[in-house]
Amino acid sequence: MEYSKAKEKPVSKVYWFKCWRENPSGCKEAVWRFSLEDPNAGERVGFASLEGVLAYVKTALAEAEREV
């Protein structure tokens, strides 16, 4: 069965993105830290790299696609 675009359920994800620099003990240089928070679920996930953030979002979007 085919659905028109108007009848398809829209898929969306909302995250609050936060980035900051911190200087962990023993490190000479400050490093970037990142977090994503889902305001609907109240869940927050932290990351040590921007690549980790992107991998998480890609996975979340793929899972959302499978749920449709």
PDB file of N, CA and C in Angstrom:
ATOM      1  N   MET A   1       0.848  -1.178   0.000  1.00  0.00           N
ATOM      2  CA  MET A   1       0.000   0.000   0.000  1.00  0.00           C
ATOM      3  C   MET A   1       0.890   1.237   0.000  1.00  0.00           C
ATOM      4  N   GLU A   2       0.592   2.187  -0.841  1.00  0.00           N
ATOM      5  CA  GLU A   2       1.357   3.425  -0.948  1.00  0.00           C
ATOM      6  C   GLU A   2       0.649   4.555  -0.226  1.00  0.00           C
ATOM      7  N   TYR A   3       1.421   5.397   0.436  1.00  0.00           N
ATOM      8  CA  TYR A   3       0.878   6.551   1.141  1.00  0.00           C
ATOM      9  C   TYR A   3       1.380   7.819   0.480  1.00  0.00           C
ATOM     10  N   SER A   4       0.519   8.813   0.415  1.00  0.00           N
ATOM     11  CA  SER A   4       0.956  10.108  -0.093  1.00  0.00           C
ATOM     12  C   SER A   4       1.728  10.828   1.011  1.00  0.00           C
ATOM     13  N   LYS A   5       2.520  11.801   0.625  1.00  0.00           N
ATOM     14  CA  LYS A   5       3.303  12.571   1.602  1.00  0.00           C
ATOM     15  C   LYS A   5       2.399  13.220   2.651  1.00  0.00           C
ATOM     16  N   ALA A   6       1.203  13.644   2.247  1.00  0.00           N
ATOM     17  CA  ALA A   6       0.293  14.316   3.165  1.00  0.00           C
ATOM     18  C   ALA A   6      -0.215  13.369   4.244  1.00  0.00           C
ATOM     19  N   LYS A   7      -0.275  12.071   3.968  1.00  0.00           N
ATOM     20  CA  LYS A   7      -0.812  11.116   4.924  1.00  0.00           C
ATOM     21  C   LYS A   7       0.267  10.464   5.778  1.00  0.00           C
ATOM     22  N   GLU A   8       1.537  10.637   5.416  1.00  0.00           N
ATOM     23  CA  GLU A   8       2.612  10.026   6.180  1.00  0.00           C
ATOM     24  C   GLU A   8       2.792  10.733   7.519  1.00  0.00           C
ATOM     25  N   LYS A   9       3.104   9.941   8.525  1.00  0.00           N
ATOM     26  CA  LYS A   9       3.370  10.506   9.846  1.00  0.00           C
ATOM     27  C   LYS A   9       4.744  11.164   9.819  1.00  0.00           C
ATOM     28  N   PRO A  10       4.839  12.444  10.163  1.00  0.00           N
ATOM     29  CA  PRO A  10       6.156  13.095  10.154  1.00  0.00           C
ATOM     30  C   PRO A  10       7.055  12.526  11.247  1.00  0.00           C
ATOM     31  N   VAL A  11       8.321  12.397  10.931  1.00  0.00           N
ATOM     32  CA  VAL A  11       9.312  11.916  11.882  1.00  0.00           C
ATOM     33  C   VAL A  11      10.184  13.097  12.276  1.00  0.00           C
ATOM     34  N   SER A  12      10.299  13.322  13.570  1.00  0.00           N
ATOM     35  CA  SER A  12      11.168  14.411  14.019  1.00  0.00           C
ATOM     36  C   SER A  12      11.775  14.051  15.367  1.00  0.00           C
ATOM     37  N   LYS A  13      12.923  14.614  15.621  1.00  0.00           N
ATOM     38  CA  LYS A  13      13.614  14.479  16.892  1.00  0.00           C
ATOM     39  C   LYS A  13      14.025  15.870  17.329  1.00  0.00           C
ATOM     40  N   VAL A  14      13.901  16.139  18.614  1.00  0.00           N
ATOM     41  CA  VAL A  14      14.308  17.431  19.152  1.00  0.00           C
ATOM     42  C   VAL A  14      15.346  17.168  20.243  1.00  0.00           C
ATOM     43  N   TYR A  15      16.473  17.870  20.143  1.00  0.00           N
ATOM     44  CA  TYR A  15      17.513  17.766  21.160  1.00  0.00           C
ATOM     45  C   TYR A  15      17.997  19.161  21.507  1.00  0.00           C
ATOM     46  N   TRP A  16      18.328  19.358  22.766  1.00  0.00           N
ATOM     47  CA  TRP A  16      19.063  20.552  23.174  1.00  0.00           C
ATOM     48  C   TRP A  16      20.531  20.180  23.122  1.00  0.00           C
ATOM     49  N   PHE A  17      21.305  20.952  22.406  1.00  0.00           N
ATOM     50  CA  PHE A  17      22.729  20.686  22.223  1.00  0.00           C
ATOM     51  C   PHE A  17      23.515  21.663  23.077  1.00  0.00           C
ATOM     52  N   LYS A  18      24.446  21.138  23.856  1.00  0.00           N
ATOM     53  CA  LYS A  18      25.277  21.991  24.702  1.00  0.00           C
ATOM     54  C   LYS A  18      26.733  21.616  24.470  1.00  0.00           C
ATOM     55  N   CYS A  19      27.591  22.630  24.389  1.00  0.00           N
ATOM     56  CA  CYS A  19      29.032  22.376  24.297  1.00  0.00           C
ATOM     57  C   CYS A  19      29.749  23.349  25.223  1.00  0.00           C
ATOM     58  N   TRP A  20      30.826  22.853  25.820  1.00  0.00           N
ATOM     59  CA  TRP A  20      31.597  23.664  26.743  1.00  0.00           C
ATOM     60  C   TRP A  20      33.031  23.140  26.805  1.00  0.00           C
ATOM     61  N   ARG A  21      33.910  23.966  27.313  1.00  0.00           N
ATOM     62  CA  ARG A  21      35.315  23.560  27.478  1.00  0.00           C
ATOM     63  C   ARG A  21      35.582  23.353  28.959  1.00  0.00           C
ATOM     64  N   GLU A  22      36.339  22.317  29.239  1.00  0.00           N
ATOM     65  CA  GLU A  22      36.755  22.083  30.617  1.00  0.00           C
ATOM     66  C   GLU A  22      38.207  21.626  30.623  1.00  0.00           C
ATOM     67  N   ASN A  23      38.825  21.785  31.763  1.00  0.00           N
ATOM     68  CA  ASN A  23      40.223  21.433  31.913  1.00  0.00           C
ATOM     69  C   ASN A  23      40.334  20.318  32.951  1.00  0.00           C
ATOM     70  N   PRO A  24      40.239  19.054  32.501  1.00  0.00           N
ATOM     71  CA  PRO A  24      40.327  17.945  33.463  1.00  0.00           C
ATOM     72  C   PRO A  24      41.686  17.924  34.155  1.00  0.00           C
ATOM     73  N   SER A  25      41.698  17.444  35.373  1.00  0.00           N
ATOM     74  CA  SER A  25      42.968  17.395  36.113  1.00  0.00           C
ATOM     75  C   SER A  25      43.960  16.511  35.364  1.00  0.00           C
ATOM     76  N   GLY A  26      45.191  16.974  35.330  1.00  0.00           N
ATOM     77  CA  GLY A  26      46.234  16.240  34.633  1.00  0.00           C
ATOM     78  C   GLY A  26      46.376  16.615  33.170  1.00  0.00           C
ATOM     79  N   CYS A  27      45.457  17.417  32.639  1.00  0.00           N
ATOM     80  CA  CYS A  27      45.535  17.841  31.239  1.00  0.00           C
ATOM     81  C   CYS A  27      46.071  19.266  31.177  1.00  0.00           C
ATOM     82  N   LYS A  28      46.958  19.499  30.239  1.00  0.00           N
ATOM     83  CA  LYS A  28      47.522  20.842  30.082  1.00  0.00           C
ATOM     84  C   LYS A  28      46.588  21.758  29.309  1.00  0.00           C
ATOM     85  N   GLU A  29      45.793  21.180  28.420  1.00  0.00           N
ATOM     86  CA  GLU A  29      44.891  21.981  27.595  1.00  0.00           C
ATOM     87  C   GLU A  29      43.439  21.649  27.902  1.00  0.00           C
ATOM     88  N   ALA A  30      42.589  22.638  27.743  1.00  0.00           N
ATOM     89  CA  ALA A  30      41.157  22.424  27.910  1.00  0.00           C
ATOM     90  C   ALA A  30      40.634  21.586  26.745  1.00  0.00           C
ATOM     91  N   VAL A  31      39.608  20.813  27.013  1.00  0.00           N
ATOM     92  CA  VAL A  31      39.002  19.973  25.984  1.00  0.00           C
ATOM     93  C   VAL A  31      37.522  20.320  25.856  1.00  0.00           C
ATOM     94  N   TRP A  32      36.978  20.059  24.694  1.00  0.00           N
ATOM     95  CA  TRP A  32      35.555  20.288  24.461  1.00  0.00           C
ATOM     96  C   TRP A  32      34.751  19.097  24.949  1.00  0.00           C
ATOM     97  N   ARG A  33      33.615  19.379  25.538  1.00  0.00           N
ATOM     98  CA  ARG A  33      32.646  18.369  25.963  1.00  0.00           C
ATOM     99  C   ARG A  33      31.302  18.739  25.346  1.00  0.00           C
ATOM    100  N   PHE A  34      30.459  17.746  25.167  1.00  0.00           N
ATOM    101  CA  PHE A  34      29.177  17.952  24.495  1.00  0.00           C
ATOM    102  C   PHE A  34      28.091  17.154  25.201  1.00  0.00           C
ATOM    103  N   SER A  35      26.856  17.630  25.088  1.00  0.00           N
ATOM    104  CA  SER A  35      25.727  16.847  25.562  1.00  0.00           C
ATOM    105  C   SER A  35      24.513  17.126  24.683  1.00  0.00           C
ATOM    106  N   LEU A  36      23.660  16.124  24.614  1.00  0.00           N
ATOM    107  CA  LEU A  36      22.359  16.239  23.957  1.00  0.00           C
ATOM    108  C   LEU A  36      21.306  15.897  24.993  1.00  0.00           C
ATOM    109  N   GLU A  37      20.251  16.694  25.040  1.00  0.00           N
ATOM    110  CA  GLU A  37      19.155  16.402  25.955  1.00  0.00           C
ATOM    111  C   GLU A  37      17.860  16.332  25.156  1.00  0.00           C
ATOM    112  N   ASP A  38      17.116  15.274  25.401  1.00  0.00           N
ATOM    113  CA  ASP A  38      15.791  15.118  24.801  1.00  0.00           C
ATOM    114  C   ASP A  38      14.802  15.771  25.760  1.00  0.00           C
ATOM    115  N   PRO A  39      14.248  16.937  25.397  1.00  0.00           N
ATOM    116  CA  PRO A  39      13.371  17.640  26.327  1.00  0.00           C
ATOM    117  C   PRO A  39      12.054  16.909  26.578  1.00  0.00           C
ATOM    118  N   ASN A  40      11.652  16.049  25.650  1.00  0.00           N
ATOM    119  CA  ASN A  40      10.406  15.299  25.832  1.00  0.00           C
ATOM    120  C   ASN A  40      10.582  14.162  26.825  1.00  0.00           C
ATOM    121  N   ALA A  41      11.711  13.477  26.765  1.00  0.00           N
ATOM    122  CA  ALA A  41      11.966  12.340  27.656  1.00  0.00           C
ATOM    123  C   ALA A  41      12.744  12.737  28.900  1.00  0.00           C
ATOM    124  N   GLY A  42      13.375  13.913  28.880  1.00  0.00           N
ATOM    125  CA  GLY A  42      14.183  14.356  30.014  1.00  0.00           C
ATOM    126  C   GLY A  42      15.494  13.599  30.147  1.00  0.00           C
ATOM    127  N   GLU A  43      15.937  12.965  29.063  1.00  0.00           N
ATOM    128  CA  GLU A  43      17.182  12.204  29.090  1.00  0.00           C
ATOM    129  C   GLU A  43      18.322  13.048  28.536  1.00  0.00           C
ATOM    130  N   ARG A  44      19.501  12.915  29.169  1.00  0.00           N
ATOM    131  CA  ARG A  44      20.682  13.644  28.722  1.00  0.00           C
ATOM    132  C   ARG A  44      21.810  12.651  28.511  1.00  0.00           C
ATOM    133  N   VAL A  45      22.555  12.832  27.418  1.00  0.00           N
ATOM    134  CA  VAL A  45      23.686  11.971  27.099  1.00  0.00           C
ATOM    135  C   VAL A  45      24.903  12.855  26.881  1.00  0.00           C
ATOM    136  N   GLY A  46      26.026  12.490  27.490  1.00  0.00           N
ATOM    137  CA  GLY A  46      27.252  13.265  27.363  1.00  0.00           C
ATOM    138  C   GLY A  46      28.231  12.622  26.395  1.00  0.00           C
ATOM    139  N   PHE A  47      29.071  13.455  25.776  1.00  0.00           N
ATOM    140  CA  PHE A  47      30.025  12.997  24.774  1.00  0.00           C
ATOM    141  C   PHE A  47      31.358  13.712  24.962  1.00  0.00           C
ATOM    142  N   ALA A  48      32.431  12.997  24.653  1.00  0.00           N
ATOM    143  CA  ALA A  48      33.766  13.572  24.723  1.00  0.00           C
ATOM    144  C   ALA A  48      34.220  14.095  23.367  1.00  0.00           C
ATOM    145  N   SER A  49      33.443  13.807  22.310  1.00  0.00           N
ATOM    146  CA  SER A  49      33.832  14.260  20.973  1.00  0.00           C
ATOM    147  C   SER A  49      32.598  14.622  20.152  1.00  0.00           C
ATOM    148  N   LEU A  50      32.810  15.504  19.210  1.00  0.00           N
ATOM    149  CA  LEU A  50      31.738  15.877  18.298  1.00  0.00           C
ATOM    150  C   LEU A  50      31.356  14.694  17.407  1.00  0.00           C
ATOM    151  N   GLU A  51      32.323  13.861  17.085  1.00  0.00           N
ATOM    152  CA  GLU A  51      32.048  12.669  16.288  1.00  0.00           C
ATOM    153  C   GLU A  51      31.077  11.745  17.016  1.00  0.00           C
ATOM    154  N   GLY A  52      31.215  11.656  18.337  1.00  0.00           N
ATOM    155  CA  GLY A  52      30.301  10.842  19.139  1.00  0.00           C
ATOM    156  C   GLY A  52      28.878  11.378  19.091  1.00  0.00           C
ATOM    157  N   VAL A  53      28.751  12.699  19.114  1.00  0.00           N
ATOM    158  CA  VAL A  53      27.429  13.330  19.010  1.00  0.00           C
ATOM    159  C   VAL A  53      26.786  12.956  17.676  1.00  0.00           C
ATOM    160  N   LEU A  54      27.549  13.102  16.598  1.00  0.00           N
ATOM    161  CA  LEU A  54      27.003  12.808  15.270  1.00  0.00           C
ATOM    162  C   LEU A  54      26.632  11.336  15.123  1.00  0.00           C
ATOM    163  N   ALA A  55      27.432  10.440  15.663  1.00  0.00           N
ATOM    164  CA  ALA A  55      27.122   9.010  15.599  1.00  0.00           C
ATOM    165  C   ALA A  55      25.827   8.713  16.356  1.00  0.00           C
ATOM    166  N   TYR A  56      25.649   9.344  17.503  1.00  0.00           N
ATOM    167  CA  TYR A  56      24.438   9.151  18.293  1.00  0.00           C
ATOM    168  C   TYR A  56      23.197   9.624  17.523  1.00  0.00           C
ATOM    169  N   VAL A  57      23.296  10.803  16.915  1.00  0.00           N
ATOM    170  CA  VAL A  57      22.159  11.353  16.170  1.00  0.00           C
ATOM    171  C   VAL A  57      21.839  10.473  14.957  1.00  0.00           C
ATOM    172  N   LYS A  58      22.853  10.010  14.250  1.00  0.00           N
ATOM    173  CA  LYS A  58      22.622   9.124  13.108  1.00  0.00           C
ATOM    174  C   LYS A  58      21.892   7.853  13.532  1.00  0.00           C
ATOM    175  N   THR A  59      22.298   7.287  14.648  1.00  0.00           N
ATOM    176  CA  THR A  59      21.651   6.076  15.158  1.00  0.00           C
ATOM    177  C   THR A  59      20.207   6.360  15.558  1.00  0.00           C
ATOM    178  N   ALA A  60      19.983   7.474  16.248  1.00  0.00           N
ATOM    179  CA  ALA A  60      18.630   7.837  16.688  1.00  0.00           C
ATOM    180  C   ALA A  60      17.707   8.053  15.494  1.00  0.00           C
ATOM    181  N   LEU A  61      18.218   8.677  14.437  1.00  0.00           N
ATOM    182  CA  LEU A  61      17.393   8.912  13.248  1.00  0.00           C
ATOM    183  C   LEU A  61      17.097   7.604  12.516  1.00  0.00           C
ATOM    184  N   ALA A  62      18.070   6.713  12.456  1.00  0.00           N
ATOM    185  CA  ALA A  62      17.846   5.415  11.824  1.00  0.00           C
ATOM    186  C   ALA A  62      16.786   4.622  12.591  1.00  0.00           C
ATOM    187  N   GLU A  63      16.837   4.660  13.909  1.00  0.00           N
ATOM    188  CA  GLU A  63      15.838   3.976  14.723  1.00  0.00           C
ATOM    189  C   GLU A  63      14.450   4.583  14.528  1.00  0.00           C
ATOM    190  N   ALA A  64      14.381   5.909  14.425  1.00  0.00           N
ATOM    191  CA  ALA A  64      13.102   6.586  14.201  1.00  0.00           C
ATOM    192  C   ALA A  64      12.522   6.185  12.839  1.00  0.00           C
ATOM    193  N   GLU A  65      13.376   6.027  11.845  1.00  0.00           N
ATOM    194  CA  GLU A  65      12.922   5.598  10.503  1.00  0.00           C
ATOM    195  C   GLU A  65      12.300   4.209  10.571  1.00  0.00           C
ATOM    196  N   ARG A  66      12.917   3.313  11.340  1.00  0.00           N
ATOM    197  CA  ARG A  66      12.416   1.933  11.438  1.00  0.00           C
ATOM    198  C   ARG A  66      11.073   1.875  12.149  1.00  0.00           C
ATOM    199  N   GLU A  67      10.804   2.836  13.027  1.00  0.00           N
ATOM    200  CA  GLU A  67       9.562   2.855  13.790  1.00  0.00           C
ATOM    201  C   GLU A  67       8.376   3.320  12.964  1.00  0.00           C
ATOM    202  N   VAL A  68       8.632   3.929  11.828  1.00  0.00           N
ATOM    203  CA  VAL A  68       7.533   4.475  11.008  1.00  0.00           C
ATOM    204  C   VAL A  68       6.855   3.362  10.256  1.00  0.00           C
TER     205      VAL A  68
END
